[in-house]
Amino acid sequence: MIEVELKFEIAPDARARLEKYLATIGAARRLQNSDTYYDTPAFDLLSQAVFVRVRNQQRLEFKFNEQAAPEHISCMERVFSLAPGPRQVEEMNSLFAGFLPGWHAAGTVGKSLSENGLIELARIENRRVEYTYENLVVCIDHVEELGDFLEIETQCAEESETRRAVAQVQAFAAGVEARQVHVGYVELWLRKHYPLVYRRGKYQEEHFSAVCP
């Protein structure tokens, strides 16, 4: 699937008003997400804007942008069981090998990470309040050590649908009184804790701020 997403930083005094407004579009679902991101010691994935994470110790999520788009709005997403079946094993190893040429195929997520020397890049803890509006998923996130954010997301099956999906997400966000953030939580976390590693990434908030003050 292709994931299309916009993210905004919410001021502390604006969260209650935003939650009150979003309550008018539907019931909230409360979630706790614990994401562990992985990379090589040389940060080969980060430098290619490839994000590999294990969510809630339940599944592997692999996100990347095939077109190497200059904006951090849409990406391809692949999800794998931690103990995938034969077809998923083949797809998972093929994906990794496409970005890491020296990749050694393995049969489980744990073995894939350990046998290829991937290390923990960041751990992101996120308390999420999730709403659904038509085909949009609208979330208020409290990310540990980073603050409060609004995330608006949809998915499409074909690349030809991406432009329409982006327009829909942008239309919903048009009335939001918040500062748009052009990078993901892992980049914001790295900027705070490991700025030298953060600068190895393809997407950096400062690049967008210089163009879109």
C-alpha atoms as a PDB file:
ATOM      1  CA  MET A   1       0.000   0.000   0.000  1.00  0.00           C
ATOM      2  CA  ILE A   2       0.968   3.645  -0.503  1.00  0.00           C
ATOM      3  CA  GLU A   3       0.666   5.712   2.670  1.00  0.00           C
ATOM      4  CA  VAL A   4      -0.042   9.453   2.391  1.00  0.00           C
ATOM      5  CA  GLU A   5       0.435  11.487   5.569  1.00  0.00           C
ATOM      6  CA  LEU A   6       0.688  15.005   6.914  1.00  0.00           C
ATOM      7  CA  LYS A   7       1.929  15.788  10.412  1.00  0.00           C
ATOM      8  CA  PHE A   8       1.536  18.917  12.579  1.00  0.00           C
ATOM      9  CA  GLU A   9       2.969  19.990  15.907  1.00  0.00           C
ATOM     10  CA  ILE A  10       0.245  21.009  18.370  1.00  0.00           C
ATOM     11  CA  ALA A  11       0.756  23.726  20.948  1.00  0.00           C
ATOM     12  CA  PRO A  12       0.047  22.464  24.503  1.00  0.00           C
ATOM     13  CA  ASP A  13      -2.900  24.820  24.961  1.00  0.00           C
ATOM     14  CA  ALA A  14      -4.480  23.773  21.629  1.00  0.00           C
ATOM     15  CA  ARG A  15      -4.826  20.038  22.228  1.00  0.00           C
ATOM     16  CA  ALA A  16      -8.085  20.195  24.194  1.00  0.00           C
ATOM     17  CA  ARG A  17      -9.748  22.348  21.505  1.00  0.00           C
ATOM     18  CA  LEU A  18      -8.574  19.997  18.771  1.00  0.00           C
ATOM     19  CA  GLU A  19      -9.845  16.929  20.628  1.00  0.00           C
ATOM     20  CA  LYS A  20     -13.226  18.621  21.096  1.00  0.00           C
ATOM     21  CA  TYR A  21     -13.424  19.324  17.379  1.00  0.00           C
ATOM     22  CA  LEU A  22     -12.353  15.818  16.330  1.00  0.00           C
ATOM     23  CA  ALA A  23     -14.929  14.294  18.676  1.00  0.00           C
ATOM     24  CA  THR A  24     -17.572  15.640  16.275  1.00  0.00           C
ATOM     25  CA  ILE A  25     -16.337  13.379  13.454  1.00  0.00           C
ATOM     26  CA  GLY A  26     -16.594  10.111  15.372  1.00  0.00           C
ATOM     27  CA  ALA A  27     -15.634   8.043  18.397  1.00  0.00           C
ATOM     28  CA  ALA A  28     -12.024   7.920  19.517  1.00  0.00           C
ATOM     29  CA  ARG A  29      -9.875   4.825  19.798  1.00  0.00           C
ATOM     30  CA  ARG A  30      -6.976   4.974  22.258  1.00  0.00           C
ATOM     31  CA  LEU A  31      -3.752   3.158  21.444  1.00  0.00           C
ATOM     32  CA  GLN A  32      -0.246   2.782  22.818  1.00  0.00           C
ATOM     33  CA  ASN A  33       2.431   2.271  20.167  1.00  0.00           C
ATOM     34  CA  SER A  34       5.982   1.284  20.985  1.00  0.00           C
ATOM     35  CA  ASP A  35       8.228   1.453  17.914  1.00  0.00           C
ATOM     36  CA  THR A  36      11.821   0.274  17.734  1.00  0.00           C
ATOM     37  CA  TYR A  37      13.668   1.455  14.614  1.00  0.00           C
ATOM     38  CA  TYR A  38      16.657  -0.383  13.179  1.00  0.00           C
ATOM     39  CA  ASP A  39      19.527   0.516  10.857  1.00  0.00           C
ATOM     40  CA  THR A  40      23.062  -0.510   9.998  1.00  0.00           C
ATOM     41  CA  PRO A  41      25.925   0.969  12.044  1.00  0.00           C
ATOM     42  CA  ALA A  42      26.670   3.176   9.005  1.00  0.00           C
ATOM     43  CA  PHE A  43      23.020   4.387   8.858  1.00  0.00           C
ATOM     44  CA  ASP A  44      22.588   3.103   5.309  1.00  0.00           C
ATOM     45  CA  LEU A  45      18.788   2.959   5.608  1.00  0.00           C
ATOM     46  CA  LEU A  46      18.354   6.412   7.123  1.00  0.00           C
ATOM     47  CA  SER A  47      20.456   7.986   4.372  1.00  0.00           C
ATOM     48  CA  GLN A  48      18.111   6.455   1.774  1.00  0.00           C
ATOM     49  CA  ALA A  49      14.928   7.510   3.647  1.00  0.00           C
ATOM     50  CA  VAL A  50      14.131   3.872   4.411  1.00  0.00           C
ATOM     51  CA  PHE A  51      12.535   3.223   7.801  1.00  0.00           C
ATOM     52  CA  VAL A  52      12.415  -0.223   9.368  1.00  0.00           C
ATOM     53  CA  ARG A  53      10.650  -0.665  12.672  1.00  0.00           C
ATOM     54  CA  VAL A  54       9.156  -3.313  14.899  1.00  0.00           C
ATOM     55  CA  ARG A  55       5.824  -2.112  16.280  1.00  0.00           C
ATOM     56  CA  ASN A  56       4.608  -3.357  19.660  1.00  0.00           C
ATOM     57  CA  GLN A  57       6.772  -6.487  19.333  1.00  0.00           C
ATOM     58  CA  GLN A  58       4.117  -7.776  16.923  1.00  0.00           C
ATOM     59  CA  ARG A  59       5.156  -6.944  13.348  1.00  0.00           C
ATOM     60  CA  LEU A  60       7.876  -5.491  11.149  1.00  0.00           C
ATOM     61  CA  GLU A  61       6.996  -2.373   9.167  1.00  0.00           C
ATOM     62  CA  PHE A  62       9.150  -1.365   6.189  1.00  0.00           C
ATOM     63  CA  LYS A  63       8.600   2.127   4.733  1.00  0.00           C
ATOM     64  CA  PHE A  64      10.319   3.697   1.729  1.00  0.00           C
ATOM     65  CA  ASN A  65       9.704   5.989  -1.243  1.00  0.00           C
ATOM     66  CA  GLU A  66      10.376   4.404  -4.620  1.00  0.00           C
ATOM     67  CA  GLN A  67      10.442   7.746  -6.429  1.00  0.00           C
ATOM     68  CA  ALA A  68      12.879   9.343  -3.956  1.00  0.00           C
ATOM     69  CA  ALA A  69      10.398  12.221  -3.640  1.00  0.00           C
ATOM     70  CA  PRO A  70      11.800  15.475  -2.219  1.00  0.00           C
ATOM     71  CA  GLU A  71       8.847  15.763   0.211  1.00  0.00           C
ATOM     72  CA  HIS A  72       8.142  13.443   3.109  1.00  0.00           C
ATOM     73  CA  ILE A  73       4.415  13.011   2.331  1.00  0.00           C
ATOM     74  CA  SER A  74       3.908   9.586   0.757  1.00  0.00           C
ATOM     75  CA  CYS A  75       5.681   6.257   1.001  1.00  0.00           C
ATOM     76  CA  MET A  76       5.292   2.577   0.231  1.00  0.00           C
ATOM     77  CA  GLU A  77       4.566   0.433   3.275  1.00  0.00           C
ATOM     78  CA  ARG A  78       5.128  -3.290   3.674  1.00  0.00           C
ATOM     79  CA  VAL A  79       4.182  -5.183   6.838  1.00  0.00           C
ATOM     80  CA  PHE A  80       5.550  -8.575   7.873  1.00  0.00           C
ATOM     81  CA  SER A  81       4.875 -11.003  10.676  1.00  0.00           C
ATOM     82  CA  LEU A  82       7.823 -11.509  13.016  1.00  0.00           C
ATOM     83  CA  ALA A  83       7.746 -15.167  11.927  1.00  0.00           C
ATOM     84  CA  PRO A  84       6.679 -14.768   8.280  1.00  0.00           C
ATOM     85  CA  GLY A  85       5.580 -17.538   5.951  1.00  0.00           C
ATOM     86  CA  PRO A  86       7.691 -18.554   2.923  1.00  0.00           C
ATOM     87  CA  ARG A  87       6.229 -15.954   0.552  1.00  0.00           C
ATOM     88  CA  GLN A  88       6.664 -13.144   3.081  1.00  0.00           C
ATOM     89  CA  VAL A  89      10.196 -14.304   3.862  1.00  0.00           C
ATOM     90  CA  GLU A  90      11.090 -14.013   0.179  1.00  0.00           C
ATOM     91  CA  GLU A  91       9.500 -10.554  -0.129  1.00  0.00           C
ATOM     92  CA  MET A  92      11.110  -9.303   3.094  1.00  0.00           C
ATOM     93  CA  ASN A  93      14.606 -10.419   2.107  1.00  0.00           C
ATOM     94  CA  SER A  94      14.169  -8.998  -1.393  1.00  0.00           C
ATOM     95  CA  LEU A  95      13.180  -5.607   0.057  1.00  0.00           C
ATOM     96  CA  PHE A  96      16.173  -5.479   2.384  1.00  0.00           C
ATOM     97  CA  ALA A  97      18.556  -6.593  -0.369  1.00  0.00           C
ATOM     98  CA  GLY A  98      17.296  -3.801  -2.619  1.00  0.00           C
ATOM     99  CA  PHE A  99      18.631  -1.210  -0.171  1.00  0.00           C
ATOM    100  CA  LEU A 100      21.429  -3.201   1.475  1.00  0.00           C
ATOM    101  CA  PRO A 101      23.348  -5.050  -1.297  1.00  0.00           C
ATOM    102  CA  GLY A 102      25.248  -7.269   1.154  1.00  0.00           C
ATOM    103  CA  TRP A 103      22.044  -8.573   2.735  1.00  0.00           C
ATOM    104  CA  HIS A 104      22.028 -12.203   3.939  1.00  0.00           C
ATOM    105  CA  ALA A 105      18.611 -13.855   3.682  1.00  0.00           C
ATOM    106  CA  ALA A 106      17.087 -15.198   6.899  1.00  0.00           C
ATOM    107  CA  GLY A 107      13.802 -16.855   7.812  1.00  0.00           C
ATOM    108  CA  THR A 108      12.545 -14.638  10.639  1.00  0.00           C
ATOM    109  CA  VAL A 109      12.640 -10.954  11.477  1.00  0.00           C
ATOM    110  CA  GLY A 110      14.821 -11.503  14.536  1.00  0.00           C
ATOM    111  CA  LYS A 111      17.399 -13.517  12.596  1.00  0.00           C
ATOM    112  CA  SER A 112      17.322 -11.035   9.709  1.00  0.00           C
ATOM    113  CA  LEU A 113      18.179  -8.159  12.022  1.00  0.00           C
ATOM    114  CA  SER A 114      20.817  -9.940  14.096  1.00  0.00           C
ATOM    115  CA  GLU A 115      22.572 -11.848  11.285  1.00  0.00           C
ATOM    116  CA  ASN A 116      22.883  -8.673   9.204  1.00  0.00           C
ATOM    117  CA  GLY A 117      24.188  -6.575  12.082  1.00  0.00           C
ATOM    118  CA  LEU A 118      21.294  -4.126  12.279  1.00  0.00           C
ATOM    119  CA  ILE A 119      21.232  -2.111  15.486  1.00  0.00           C
ATOM    120  CA  GLU A 120      18.575  -0.162  17.356  1.00  0.00           C
ATOM    121  CA  LEU A 121      18.389   3.348  15.930  1.00  0.00           C
ATOM    122  CA  ALA A 122      15.620   4.820  18.084  1.00  0.00           C
ATOM    123  CA  ARG A 123      12.743   3.830  20.326  1.00  0.00           C
ATOM    124  CA  ILE A 124       9.575   5.909  20.056  1.00  0.00           C
ATOM    125  CA  GLU A 125       6.758   5.690  22.615  1.00  0.00           C
ATOM    126  CA  ASN A 126       3.463   7.148  21.414  1.00  0.00           C
ATOM    127  CA  ARG A 127       0.088   7.473  23.163  1.00  0.00           C
ATOM    128  CA  ARG A 128      -2.437   7.867  20.348  1.00  0.00           C
ATOM    129  CA  VAL A 129      -6.067   9.000  20.138  1.00  0.00           C
ATOM    130  CA  GLU A 130      -7.358   7.854  16.761  1.00  0.00           C
ATOM    131  CA  TYR A 131     -10.426   9.002  14.800  1.00  0.00           C
ATOM    132  CA  THR A 132     -11.773   7.842  11.447  1.00  0.00           C
ATOM    133  CA  TYR A 133     -13.330  10.252   8.946  1.00  0.00           C
ATOM    134  CA  GLU A 134     -14.389   8.769   5.611  1.00  0.00           C
ATOM    135  CA  ASN A 135     -11.163   7.091   4.400  1.00  0.00           C
ATOM    136  CA  LEU A 136      -8.893   9.246   6.582  1.00  0.00           C
ATOM    137  CA  VAL A 137      -7.284   8.231   9.845  1.00  0.00           C
ATOM    138  CA  VAL A 138      -6.834  11.303  12.061  1.00  0.00           C
ATOM    139  CA  CYS A 139      -4.665  10.924  15.161  1.00  0.00           C
ATOM    140  CA  ILE A 140      -3.615  13.045  18.081  1.00  0.00           C
ATOM    141  CA  ASP A 141      -0.299  11.687  19.298  1.00  0.00           C
ATOM    142  CA  HIS A 142       1.600  12.337  22.476  1.00  0.00           C
ATOM    143  CA  VAL A 143       5.145  11.243  21.688  1.00  0.00           C
ATOM    144  CA  GLU A 144       7.373  10.765  24.693  1.00  0.00           C
ATOM    145  CA  GLU A 145      10.091  13.458  24.868  1.00  0.00           C
ATOM    146  CA  LEU A 146       8.764  15.202  21.729  1.00  0.00           C
ATOM    147  CA  GLY A 147       5.286  16.530  22.570  1.00  0.00           C
ATOM    148  CA  ASP A 148       1.841  16.560  20.937  1.00  0.00           C
ATOM    149  CA  PHE A 149       1.165  16.113  17.218  1.00  0.00           C
ATOM    150  CA  LEU A 150      -1.713  15.777  14.787  1.00  0.00           C
ATOM    151  CA  GLU A 151      -1.286  13.145  12.079  1.00  0.00           C
ATOM    152  CA  ILE A 152      -3.662  12.819   9.108  1.00  0.00           C
ATOM    153  CA  GLU A 153      -3.263   9.704   6.990  1.00  0.00           C
ATOM    154  CA  THR A 154      -4.855   7.783   4.162  1.00  0.00           C
ATOM    155  CA  GLN A 155      -3.798   4.906   1.931  1.00  0.00           C
ATOM    156  CA  CYS A 156      -4.138   4.110  -1.746  1.00  0.00           C
ATOM    157  CA  ALA A 157      -3.374   1.024  -3.773  1.00  0.00           C
ATOM    158  CA  GLU A 158      -1.966   2.587  -6.934  1.00  0.00           C
ATOM    159  CA  GLU A 159       0.594   5.329  -7.626  1.00  0.00           C
ATOM    160  CA  SER A 160      -1.954   7.009  -9.914  1.00  0.00           C
ATOM    161  CA  GLU A 161      -4.201   7.620  -6.869  1.00  0.00           C
ATOM    162  CA  THR A 162      -1.523   9.419  -4.842  1.00  0.00           C
ATOM    163  CA  ARG A 163      -2.228  12.949  -6.092  1.00  0.00           C
ATOM    164  CA  ARG A 164      -5.906  12.667  -5.207  1.00  0.00           C
ATOM    165  CA  ALA A 165      -5.041  11.230  -1.781  1.00  0.00           C
ATOM    166  CA  VAL A 166      -2.595  14.067  -1.043  1.00  0.00           C
ATOM    167  CA  ALA A 167      -5.230  16.639  -2.036  1.00  0.00           C
ATOM    168  CA  GLN A 168      -7.769  15.016   0.290  1.00  0.00           C
ATOM    169  CA  VAL A 169      -5.397  15.015   3.251  1.00  0.00           C
ATOM    170  CA  GLN A 170      -4.395  18.622   2.576  1.00  0.00           C
ATOM    171  CA  ALA A 171      -8.050  19.682   2.336  1.00  0.00           C
ATOM    172  CA  PHE A 172      -8.811  18.200   5.746  1.00  0.00           C
ATOM    173  CA  ALA A 173      -5.741  19.897   7.210  1.00  0.00           C
ATOM    174  CA  ALA A 174      -6.561  23.297   5.712  1.00  0.00           C
ATOM    175  CA  GLY A 175      -8.295  24.560   8.839  1.00  0.00           C
ATOM    176  CA  VAL A 176      -5.781  23.199  11.339  1.00  0.00           C
ATOM    177  CA  GLU A 177      -4.085  25.847  13.444  1.00  0.00           C
ATOM    178  CA  ALA A 178      -0.784  24.081  13.948  1.00  0.00           C
ATOM    179  CA  ARG A 179       2.719  24.049  12.532  1.00  0.00           C
ATOM    180  CA  GLN A 180       3.318  21.464   9.844  1.00  0.00           C
ATOM    181  CA  VAL A 181       6.223  19.112  10.497  1.00  0.00           C
ATOM    182  CA  HIS A 182       7.924  17.762   7.393  1.00  0.00           C
ATOM    183  CA  VAL A 183       9.750  14.813   8.970  1.00  0.00           C
ATOM    184  CA  GLY A 184       8.771  11.783  11.000  1.00  0.00           C
ATOM    185  CA  TYR A 185       8.992  11.109  14.706  1.00  0.00           C
ATOM    186  CA  VAL A 186      12.208   9.134  14.337  1.00  0.00           C
ATOM    187  CA  GLU A 187      13.937  12.097  12.690  1.00  0.00           C
ATOM    188  CA  LEU A 188      12.671  14.470  15.381  1.00  0.00           C
ATOM    189  CA  TRP A 189      13.914  12.059  18.048  1.00  0.00           C
ATOM    190  CA  LEU A 190      17.325  11.796  16.389  1.00  0.00           C
ATOM    191  CA  ARG A 191      17.569  15.586  16.043  1.00  0.00           C
ATOM    192  CA  LYS A 192      17.071  15.885  19.792  1.00  0.00           C
ATOM    193  CA  HIS A 193      19.294  13.022  20.948  1.00  0.00           C
ATOM    194  CA  TYR A 194      21.787  12.348  18.146  1.00  0.00           C
ATOM    195  CA  PRO A 195      22.040  15.403  15.871  1.00  0.00           C
ATOM    196  CA  LEU A 196      25.026  14.041  13.954  1.00  0.00           C
ATOM    197  CA  VAL A 197      23.038  10.926  13.033  1.00  0.00           C
ATOM    198  CA  TYR A 198      20.006  13.082  12.209  1.00  0.00           C
ATOM    199  CA  ARG A 199      22.076  14.958   9.635  1.00  0.00           C
ATOM    200  CA  ARG A 200      22.761  11.683   7.844  1.00  0.00           C
ATOM    201  CA  GLY A 201      19.077  11.455   6.938  1.00  0.00           C
ATOM    202  CA  LYS A 202      17.610  12.486   3.609  1.00  0.00           C
ATOM    203  CA  TYR A 203      14.770  14.446   5.220  1.00  0.00           C
ATOM    204  CA  GLN A 204      15.601  17.260   7.644  1.00  0.00           C
ATOM    205  CA  GLU A 205      13.142  19.804   8.992  1.00  0.00           C
ATOM    206  CA  GLU A 206      15.581  22.675   8.440  1.00  0.00           C
ATOM    207  CA  HIS A 207      15.589  22.063   4.674  1.00  0.00           C
ATOM    208  CA  PHE A 208      11.823  22.524   4.464  1.00  0.00           C
ATOM    209  CA  SER A 209      11.800  25.502   6.837  1.00  0.00           C
ATOM    210  CA  ALA A 210      14.206  27.344   4.554  1.00  0.00           C
ATOM    211  CA  VAL A 211      11.776  26.946   1.649  1.00  0.00           C
ATOM    212  CA  CYS A 212       8.482  27.217   3.527  1.00  0.00           C
ATOM    213  CA  PRO A 213       8.887  29.648   6.442  1.00  0.00           C
END
